[in-house]
Each structure stands twice: as structure tokens, then as C-alpha cells.
Amino acid sequence: MGKFGLQFKATLENVTNVRPEGEDFRWYLKLKCGNCGEVSDKWQYITLLDSMPLKGGRGSASMVQKCKLCSRENSIGWFCC
């Protein structure tokens, strides 16, 4: 499974956790393929409530998407407390 980075800019002090209010919050993301580097042209969203099965019965993820350029299946999962 690939690694994903989230980048945002803010001025904060003594912050230990960044989490949205409510479980139905939508994270809007521009996605980049971990294999070929293709960046999606549209914003995609995911929520904590979304769950889709991974290919081959390897569990589930919040989003599973196939790259338009290289056809690799990429996924995003939540790691929660």
C-alpha cells in the first residue's frame, strides 16, 4: 500500500490532533497515483463513513480508485484512534 501525505497551512499552538467535527465531514482531495504520478484533474471526496472492499479480500478502504493512466488500483484508508 502506498503512502499518502496531507498538506495544509495554518498557524497553530499546542495542537495534538486535527479532526473534523462529526463523522460525515467530507475531505476534498486532489489525488496523485503512487505508481505513475498522474494527478487527478477533479477534486475527489472521502468521509470516515465510506467503506469499500479491497481487491482480493484484503480488507476495506475509504476510497478505491483506478488510475486513468496506468490502471493501477490505489486506495485510501483511515487510521483512527
PDB file of N, CA and C in Angstrom:
ATOM      1  N   MET A   1       0.841  -1.166   0.000  1.00  0.00           N
ATOM      2  CA  MET A   1       0.000   0.000   0.000  1.00  0.00           C
ATOM      3  C   MET A   1       0.891   1.235   0.000  1.00  0.00           C
ATOM      4  N   GLY A   2       0.535   2.212  -0.770  1.00  0.00           N
ATOM      5  CA  GLY A   2       1.310   3.440  -0.872  1.00  0.00           C
ATOM      6  C   GLY A   2       1.111   4.353   0.322  1.00  0.00           C
ATOM      7  N   LYS A   3       1.943   5.358   0.407  1.00  0.00           N
ATOM      8  CA  LYS A   3       1.833   6.355   1.466  1.00  0.00           C
ATOM      9  C   LYS A   3       1.186   7.603   0.906  1.00  0.00           C
ATOM     10  N   PHE A   4       0.388   8.257   1.729  1.00  0.00           N
ATOM     11  CA  PHE A   4      -0.295   9.466   1.325  1.00  0.00           C
ATOM     12  C   PHE A   4       0.098  10.582   2.270  1.00  0.00           C
ATOM     13  N   GLY A   5       0.272  11.768   1.739  1.00  0.00           N
ATOM     14  CA  GLY A   5       0.585  12.918   2.558  1.00  0.00           C
ATOM     15  C   GLY A   5      -0.505  13.957   2.440  1.00  0.00           C
ATOM     16  N   LEU A   6      -0.788  14.616   3.541  1.00  0.00           N
ATOM     17  CA  LEU A   6      -1.770  15.684   3.561  1.00  0.00           C
ATOM     18  C   LEU A   6      -1.023  16.956   3.901  1.00  0.00           C
ATOM     19  N   GLN A   7      -1.199  17.971   3.092  1.00  0.00           N
ATOM     20  CA  GLN A   7      -0.502  19.235   3.322  1.00  0.00           C
ATOM     21  C   GLN A   7      -1.519  20.346   3.469  1.00  0.00           C
ATOM     22  N   PHE A   8      -1.426  21.060   4.585  1.00  0.00           N
ATOM     23  CA  PHE A   8      -2.246  22.249   4.773  1.00  0.00           C
ATOM     24  C   PHE A   8      -1.428  23.253   5.564  1.00  0.00           C
ATOM     25  N   LYS A   9      -1.833  24.498   5.476  1.00  0.00           N
ATOM     26  CA  LYS A   9      -1.084  25.570   6.108  1.00  0.00           C
ATOM     27  C   LYS A   9      -1.952  26.239   7.162  1.00  0.00           C
ATOM     28  N   ALA A  10      -1.393  26.406   8.367  1.00  0.00           N
ATOM     29  CA  ALA A  10      -2.132  27.043   9.454  1.00  0.00           C
ATOM     30  C   ALA A  10      -1.143  27.533  10.501  1.00  0.00           C
ATOM     31  N   THR A  11      -1.561  28.507  11.284  1.00  0.00           N
ATOM     32  CA  THR A  11      -0.776  28.980  12.416  1.00  0.00           C
ATOM     33  C   THR A  11      -1.440  28.444  13.676  1.00  0.00           C
ATOM     34  N   LEU A  12      -0.790  27.496  14.341  1.00  0.00           N
ATOM     35  CA  LEU A  12      -1.378  26.803  15.483  1.00  0.00           C
ATOM     36  C   LEU A  12      -0.380  26.702  16.630  1.00  0.00           C
ATOM     37  N   GLU A  13      -0.885  26.624  17.854  1.00  0.00           N
ATOM     38  CA  GLU A  13      -0.046  26.417  19.028  1.00  0.00           C
ATOM     39  C   GLU A  13      -0.622  25.284  19.864  1.00  0.00           C
ATOM     40  N   ASN A  14       0.237  24.383  20.342  1.00  0.00           N
ATOM     41  CA  ASN A  14      -0.140  23.275  21.233  1.00  0.00           C
ATOM     42  C   ASN A  14      -1.233  22.383  20.644  1.00  0.00           C
ATOM     43  N   VAL A  15      -1.176  22.114  19.366  1.00  0.00           N
ATOM     44  CA  VAL A  15      -2.151  21.246  18.708  1.00  0.00           C
ATOM     45  C   VAL A  15      -1.629  19.818  18.730  1.00  0.00           C
ATOM     46  N   THR A  16      -2.446  18.882  19.201  1.00  0.00           N
ATOM     47  CA  THR A  16      -2.047  17.480  19.250  1.00  0.00           C
ATOM     48  C   THR A  16      -2.863  16.605  18.309  1.00  0.00           C
ATOM     49  N   ASN A  17      -3.998  17.117  17.801  1.00  0.00           N
ATOM     50  CA  ASN A  17      -4.859  16.310  16.955  1.00  0.00           C
ATOM     51  C   ASN A  17      -5.668  17.226  16.036  1.00  0.00           C
ATOM     52  N   VAL A  18      -5.746  16.889  14.768  1.00  0.00           N
ATOM     53  CA  VAL A  18      -6.568  17.636  13.815  1.00  0.00           C
ATOM     54  C   VAL A  18      -7.654  16.685  13.333  1.00  0.00           C
ATOM     55  N   ARG A  19      -8.885  17.030  13.640  1.00  0.00           N
ATOM     56  CA  ARG A  19     -10.007  16.172  13.297  1.00  0.00           C
ATOM     57  C   ARG A  19     -11.230  17.037  13.031  1.00  0.00           C
ATOM     58  N   PRO A  20     -12.018  16.707  12.007  1.00  0.00           N
ATOM     59  CA  PRO A  20     -13.222  17.499  11.723  1.00  0.00           C
ATOM     60  C   PRO A  20     -14.327  17.214  12.730  1.00  0.00           C
ATOM     61  N   GLU A  21     -15.290  18.126  12.808  1.00  0.00           N
ATOM     62  CA  GLU A  21     -16.475  17.928  13.633  1.00  0.00           C
ATOM     63  C   GLU A  21     -17.407  16.947  12.929  1.00  0.00           C
ATOM     64  N   GLY A  22     -17.818  15.914  13.600  1.00  0.00           N
ATOM     65  CA  GLY A  22     -18.765  14.949  13.037  1.00  0.00           C
ATOM     66  C   GLY A  22     -18.100  13.954  12.102  1.00  0.00           C
ATOM     67  N   GLU A  23     -18.742  12.798  11.964  1.00  0.00           N
ATOM     68  CA  GLU A  23     -18.197  11.744  11.111  1.00  0.00           C
ATOM     69  C   GLU A  23     -18.556  11.917   9.641  1.00  0.00           C
ATOM     70  N   ASP A  24     -19.493  12.814   9.331  1.00  0.00           N
ATOM     71  CA  ASP A  24     -19.914  12.988   7.942  1.00  0.00           C
ATOM     72  C   ASP A  24     -19.146  14.102   7.228  1.00  0.00           C
ATOM     73  N   PHE A  25     -18.045  14.581   7.826  1.00  0.00           N
ATOM     74  CA  PHE A  25     -17.220  15.614   7.211  1.00  0.00           C
ATOM     75  C   PHE A  25     -16.599  15.072   5.928  1.00  0.00           C
ATOM     76  N   ARG A  26     -16.603  15.879   4.869  1.00  0.00           N
ATOM     77  CA  ARG A  26     -16.016  15.458   3.588  1.00  0.00           C
ATOM     78  C   ARG A  26     -14.634  16.081   3.415  1.00  0.00           C
ATOM     79  N   TRP A  27     -13.631  15.228   3.214  1.00  0.00           N
ATOM     80  CA  TRP A  27     -12.276  15.682   2.892  1.00  0.00           C
ATOM     81  C   TRP A  27     -12.187  15.723   1.371  1.00  0.00           C
ATOM     82  N   TYR A  28     -11.976  16.914   0.799  1.00  0.00           N
ATOM     83  CA  TYR A  28     -11.823  17.059  -0.657  1.00  0.00           C
ATOM     84  C   TYR A  28     -10.340  17.029  -0.979  1.00  0.00           C
ATOM     85  N   LEU A  29      -9.958  16.131  -1.885  1.00  0.00           N
ATOM     86  CA  LEU A  29      -8.552  15.873  -2.178  1.00  0.00           C
ATOM     87  C   LEU A  29      -8.275  15.863  -3.674  1.00  0.00           C
ATOM     88  N   LYS A  30      -7.097  16.311  -4.049  1.00  0.00           N
ATOM     89  CA  LYS A  30      -6.559  16.077  -5.397  1.00  0.00           C
ATOM     90  C   LYS A  30      -5.633  14.882  -5.216  1.00  0.00           C
ATOM     91  N   LEU A  31      -5.881  13.824  -5.936  1.00  0.00           N
ATOM     92  CA  LEU A  31      -5.150  12.576  -5.740  1.00  0.00           C
ATOM     93  C   LEU A  31      -4.031  12.415  -6.754  1.00  0.00           C
ATOM     94  N   LYS A  32      -2.944  11.778  -6.315  1.00  0.00           N
ATOM     95  CA  LYS A  32      -1.792  11.508  -7.165  1.00  0.00           C
ATOM     96  C   LYS A  32      -1.509  10.007  -7.103  1.00  0.00           C
ATOM     97  N   CYS A  33      -1.389   9.371  -8.258  1.00  0.00           N
ATOM     98  CA  CYS A  33      -1.122   7.936  -8.332  1.00  0.00           C
ATOM     99  C   CYS A  33       0.246   7.630  -7.714  1.00  0.00           C
ATOM    100  N   GLY A  34       0.289   6.623  -6.855  1.00  0.00           N
ATOM    101  CA  GLY A  34       1.539   6.224  -6.220  1.00  0.00           C
ATOM    102  C   GLY A  34       2.475   5.489  -7.163  1.00  0.00           C
ATOM    103  N   ASN A  35       1.985   5.084  -8.325  1.00  0.00           N
ATOM    104  CA  ASN A  35       2.796   4.337  -9.284  1.00  0.00           C
ATOM    105  C   ASN A  35       3.381   5.248 -10.370  1.00  0.00           C
ATOM    106  N   CYS A  36       2.528   5.978 -11.084  1.00  0.00           N
ATOM    107  CA  CYS A  36       2.997   6.769 -12.235  1.00  0.00           C
ATOM    108  C   CYS A  36       3.043   8.274 -11.968  1.00  0.00           C
ATOM    109  N   GLY A  37       2.446   8.746 -10.863  1.00  0.00           N
ATOM    110  CA  GLY A  37       2.486  10.164 -10.531  1.00  0.00           C
ATOM    111  C   GLY A  37       1.397  11.002 -11.175  1.00  0.00           C
ATOM    112  N   GLU A  38       0.464  10.387 -11.876  1.00  0.00           N
ATOM    113  CA  GLU A  38      -0.643  11.107 -12.505  1.00  0.00           C
ATOM    114  C   GLU A  38      -1.502  11.768 -11.427  1.00  0.00           C
ATOM    115  N   VAL A  39      -1.804  13.057 -11.593  1.00  0.00           N
ATOM    116  CA  VAL A  39      -2.633  13.801 -10.651  1.00  0.00           C
ATOM    117  C   VAL A  39      -4.046  13.916 -11.216  1.00  0.00           C
ATOM    118  N   SER A  40      -5.049  13.640 -10.379  1.00  0.00           N
ATOM    119  CA  SER A  40      -6.435  13.717 -10.844  1.00  0.00           C
ATOM    120  C   SER A  40      -6.787  15.145 -11.232  1.00  0.00           C
ATOM    121  N   ASP A  41      -7.578  15.292 -12.270  1.00  0.00           N
ATOM    122  CA  ASP A  41      -7.958  16.627 -12.723  1.00  0.00           C
ATOM    123  C   ASP A  41      -9.146  17.181 -11.931  1.00  0.00           C
ATOM    124  N   LYS A  42      -9.877  16.334 -11.237  1.00  0.00           N
ATOM    125  CA  LYS A  42     -11.025  16.761 -10.441  1.00  0.00           C
ATOM    126  C   LYS A  42     -10.770  16.492  -8.960  1.00  0.00           C
ATOM    127  N   TRP A  43     -11.445  17.258  -8.100  1.00  0.00           N
ATOM    128  CA  TRP A  43     -11.382  17.042  -6.664  1.00  0.00           C
ATOM    129  C   TRP A  43     -12.243  15.832  -6.326  1.00  0.00           C
ATOM    130  N   GLN A  44     -11.748  14.943  -5.480  1.00  0.00           N
ATOM    131  CA  GLN A  44     -12.478  13.773  -5.006  1.00  0.00           C
ATOM    132  C   GLN A  44     -12.742  13.964  -3.519  1.00  0.00           C
ATOM    133  N   TYR A  45     -13.799  13.380  -2.992  1.00  0.00           N
ATOM    134  CA  TYR A  45     -14.010  13.482  -1.553  1.00  0.00           C
ATOM    135  C   TYR A  45     -14.147  12.103  -0.915  1.00  0.00           C
ATOM    136  N   ILE A  46     -13.756  12.055   0.364  1.00  0.00           N
ATOM    137  CA  ILE A  46     -13.916  10.852   1.175  1.00  0.00           C
ATOM    138  C   ILE A  46     -14.434  11.273   2.548  1.00  0.00           C
ATOM    139  N   THR A  47     -15.081  10.340   3.236  1.00  0.00           N
ATOM    140  CA  THR A  47     -15.557  10.563   4.598  1.00  0.00           C
ATOM    141  C   THR A  47     -15.139   9.384   5.466  1.00  0.00           C
ATOM    142  N   LEU A  48     -15.238   9.537   6.784  1.00  0.00           N
ATOM    143  CA  LEU A  48     -14.931   8.444   7.703  1.00  0.00           C
ATOM    144  C   LEU A  48     -15.923   7.297   7.562  1.00  0.00           C
ATOM    145  N   LEU A  49     -17.132   7.597   7.094  1.00  0.00           N
ATOM    146  CA  LEU A  49     -18.185   6.587   6.999  1.00  0.00           C
ATOM    147  C   LEU A  49     -18.069   5.715   5.752  1.00  0.00           C
ATOM    148  N   ASP A  50     -17.341   6.168   4.729  1.00  0.00           N
ATOM    149  CA  ASP A  50     -17.205   5.399   3.488  1.00  0.00           C
ATOM    150  C   ASP A  50     -16.365   4.146   3.725  1.00  0.00           C
ATOM    151  N   SER A  51     -16.772   3.047   3.109  1.00  0.00           N
ATOM    152  CA  SER A  51     -16.011   1.808   3.198  1.00  0.00           C
ATOM    153  C   SER A  51     -16.259   0.976   1.949  1.00  0.00           C
ATOM    154  N   MET A  52     -15.168   0.606   1.272  1.00  0.00           N
ATOM    155  CA  MET A  52     -15.248  -0.207   0.060  1.00  0.00           C
ATOM    156  C   MET A  52     -14.291  -1.383   0.215  1.00  0.00           C
ATOM    157  N   PRO A  53     -14.659  -2.564  -0.266  1.00  0.00           N
ATOM    158  CA  PRO A  53     -13.755  -3.715  -0.162  1.00  0.00           C
ATOM    159  C   PRO A  53     -12.556  -3.570  -1.102  1.00  0.00           C
ATOM    160  N   LEU A  54     -11.397  -4.038  -0.642  1.00  0.00           N
ATOM    161  CA  LEU A  54     -10.206  -4.053  -1.477  1.00  0.00           C
ATOM    162  C   LEU A  54     -10.190  -5.322  -2.314  1.00  0.00           C
ATOM    163  N   LYS A  55      -9.533  -5.248  -3.452  1.00  0.00           N
ATOM    164  CA  LYS A  55      -9.419  -6.385  -4.364  1.00  0.00           C
ATOM    165  C   LYS A  55      -8.737  -7.560  -3.655  1.00  0.00           C
ATOM    166  N   GLY A  56      -9.249  -8.743  -3.857  1.00  0.00           N
ATOM    167  CA  GLY A  56      -8.640  -9.930  -3.282  1.00  0.00           C
ATOM    168  C   GLY A  56      -8.997 -10.175  -1.828  1.00  0.00           C
ATOM    169  N   GLY A  57      -9.992  -9.460  -1.294  1.00  0.00           N
ATOM    170  CA  GLY A  57     -10.425  -9.686   0.078  1.00  0.00           C
ATOM    171  C   GLY A  57      -9.419  -9.252   1.124  1.00  0.00           C
ATOM    172  N   ARG A  58      -8.630  -8.220   0.838  1.00  0.00           N
ATOM    173  CA  ARG A  58      -7.587  -7.756   1.759  1.00  0.00           C
ATOM    174  C   ARG A  58      -8.091  -6.707   2.738  1.00  0.00           C
ATOM    175  N   GLY A  59      -9.375  -6.646   3.011  1.00  0.00           N
ATOM    176  CA  GLY A  59      -9.911  -5.657   3.934  1.00  0.00           C
ATOM    177  C   GLY A  59     -10.722  -4.612   3.205  1.00  0.00           C
ATOM    178  N   SER A  60     -10.754  -3.397   3.773  1.00  0.00           N
ATOM    179  CA  SER A  60     -11.531  -2.327   3.168  1.00  0.00           C
ATOM    180  C   SER A  60     -10.789  -1.007   3.273  1.00  0.00           C
ATOM    181  N   ALA A  61     -11.264  -0.027   2.502  1.00  0.00           N
ATOM    182  CA  ALA A  61     -10.663   1.306   2.482  1.00  0.00           C
ATOM    183  C   ALA A  61     -11.773   2.327   2.302  1.00  0.00           C
ATOM    184  N   SER A  62     -11.471   3.588   2.595  1.00  0.00           N
ATOM    185  CA  SER A  62     -12.457   4.654   2.436  1.00  0.00           C
ATOM    186  C   SER A  62     -12.682   4.999   0.970  1.00  0.00           C
ATOM    187  N   MET A  63     -11.661   4.797   0.134  1.00  0.00           N
ATOM    188  CA  MET A  63     -11.791   5.045  -1.299  1.00  0.00           C
ATOM    189  C   MET A  63     -10.877   4.087  -2.059  1.00  0.00           C
ATOM    190  N   VAL A  64     -11.399   3.513  -3.111  1.00  0.00           N
ATOM    191  CA  VAL A  64     -10.611   2.674  -4.018  1.00  0.00           C
ATOM    192  C   VAL A  64     -10.829   3.242  -5.408  1.00  0.00           C
ATOM    193  N   GLN A  65      -9.732   3.583  -6.088  1.00  0.00           N
ATOM    194  CA  GLN A  65      -9.841   4.235  -7.394  1.00  0.00           C
ATOM    195  C   GLN A  65      -8.757   3.701  -8.323  1.00  0.00           C
ATOM    196  N   LYS A  66      -9.125   3.506  -9.572  1.00  0.00           N
ATOM    197  CA  LYS A  66      -8.185   3.035 -10.583  1.00  0.00           C
ATOM    198  C   LYS A  66      -7.610   4.230 -11.332  1.00  0.00           C
ATOM    199  N   CYS A  67      -6.284   4.258 -11.504  1.00  0.00           N
ATOM    200  CA  CYS A  67      -5.613   5.344 -12.220  1.00  0.00           C
ATOM    201  C   CYS A  67      -5.985   5.296 -13.704  1.00  0.00           C
ATOM    202  N   LYS A  68      -6.317   6.458 -14.255  1.00  0.00           N
ATOM    203  CA  LYS A  68      -6.683   6.533 -15.671  1.00  0.00           C
ATOM    204  C   LYS A  68      -5.491   6.272 -16.589  1.00  0.00           C
ATOM    205  N   LEU A  69      -4.281   6.604 -16.130  1.00  0.00           N
ATOM    206  CA  LEU A  69      -3.102   6.481 -16.974  1.00  0.00           C
ATOM    207  C   LEU A  69      -2.508   5.070 -16.954  1.00  0.00           C
ATOM    208  N   CYS A  70      -2.224   4.531 -15.754  1.00  0.00           N
ATOM    209  CA  CYS A  70      -1.531   3.236 -15.671  1.00  0.00           C
ATOM    210  C   CYS A  70      -2.429   2.082 -15.230  1.00  0.00           C
ATOM    211  N   SER A  71      -3.683   2.363 -14.891  1.00  0.00           N
ATOM    212  CA  SER A  71      -4.680   1.365 -14.481  1.00  0.00           C
ATOM    213  C   SER A  71      -4.380   0.694 -13.141  1.00  0.00           C
ATOM    214  N   ARG A  72      -3.477   1.240 -12.356  1.00  0.00           N
ATOM    215  CA  ARG A  72      -3.197   0.677 -11.040  1.00  0.00           C
ATOM    216  C   ARG A  72      -4.317   1.077 -10.075  1.00  0.00           C
ATOM    217  N   GLU A  73      -4.696   0.159  -9.199  1.00  0.00           N
ATOM    218  CA  GLU A  73      -5.724   0.438  -8.210  1.00  0.00           C
ATOM    219  C   GLU A  73      -5.070   1.047  -6.972  1.00  0.00           C
ATOM    220  N   ASN A  74      -5.491   2.250  -6.605  1.00  0.00           N
ATOM    221  CA  ASN A  74      -4.985   2.944  -5.432  1.00  0.00           C
ATOM    222  C   ASN A  74      -6.092   3.034  -4.403  1.00  0.00           C
ATOM    223  N   SER A  75      -5.730   3.082  -3.122  1.00  0.00           N
ATOM    224  CA  SER A  75      -6.742   3.148  -2.067  1.00  0.00           C
ATOM    225  C   SER A  75      -6.302   4.097  -0.960  1.00  0.00           C
ATOM    226  N   ILE A  76      -7.305   4.577  -0.223  1.00  0.00           N
ATOM    227  CA  ILE A  76      -7.077   5.454   0.929  1.00  0.00           C
ATOM    228  C   ILE A  76      -7.872   4.862   2.081  1.00  0.00           C
ATOM    229  N   GLY A  77      -7.214   4.670   3.214  1.00  0.00           N
ATOM    230  CA  GLY A  77      -7.888   4.157   4.420  1.00  0.00           C
ATOM    231  C   GLY A  77      -7.663   5.117   5.580  1.00  0.00           C
ATOM    232  N   TRP A  78      -8.511   5.030   6.579  1.00  0.00           N
ATOM    233  CA  TRP A  78      -8.409   5.871   7.773  1.00  0.00           C
ATOM    234  C   TRP A  78      -7.770   5.079   8.888  1.00  0.00           C
ATOM    235  N   PHE A  79      -6.900   5.712   9.609  1.00  0.00           N
ATOM    236  CA  PHE A  79      -6.326   5.118  10.811  1.00  0.00           C
ATOM    237  C   PHE A  79      -6.844   5.946  11.969  1.00  0.00           C
ATOM    238  N   CYS A  80      -7.755   5.365  12.691  1.00  0.00           N
ATOM    239  CA  CYS A  80      -8.435   6.132  13.736  1.00  0.00           C
ATOM    240  C   CYS A  80      -8.020   5.619  15.116  1.00  0.00           C
ATOM    241  N   CYS A  81      -8.200   6.442  16.083  1.00  0.00           N
ATOM    242  CA  CYS A  81      -7.812   6.176  17.476  1.00  0.00           C
ATOM    243  C   CYS A  81      -8.410   4.930  18.045  1.00  0.00           C
TER     244      CYS A  81
END
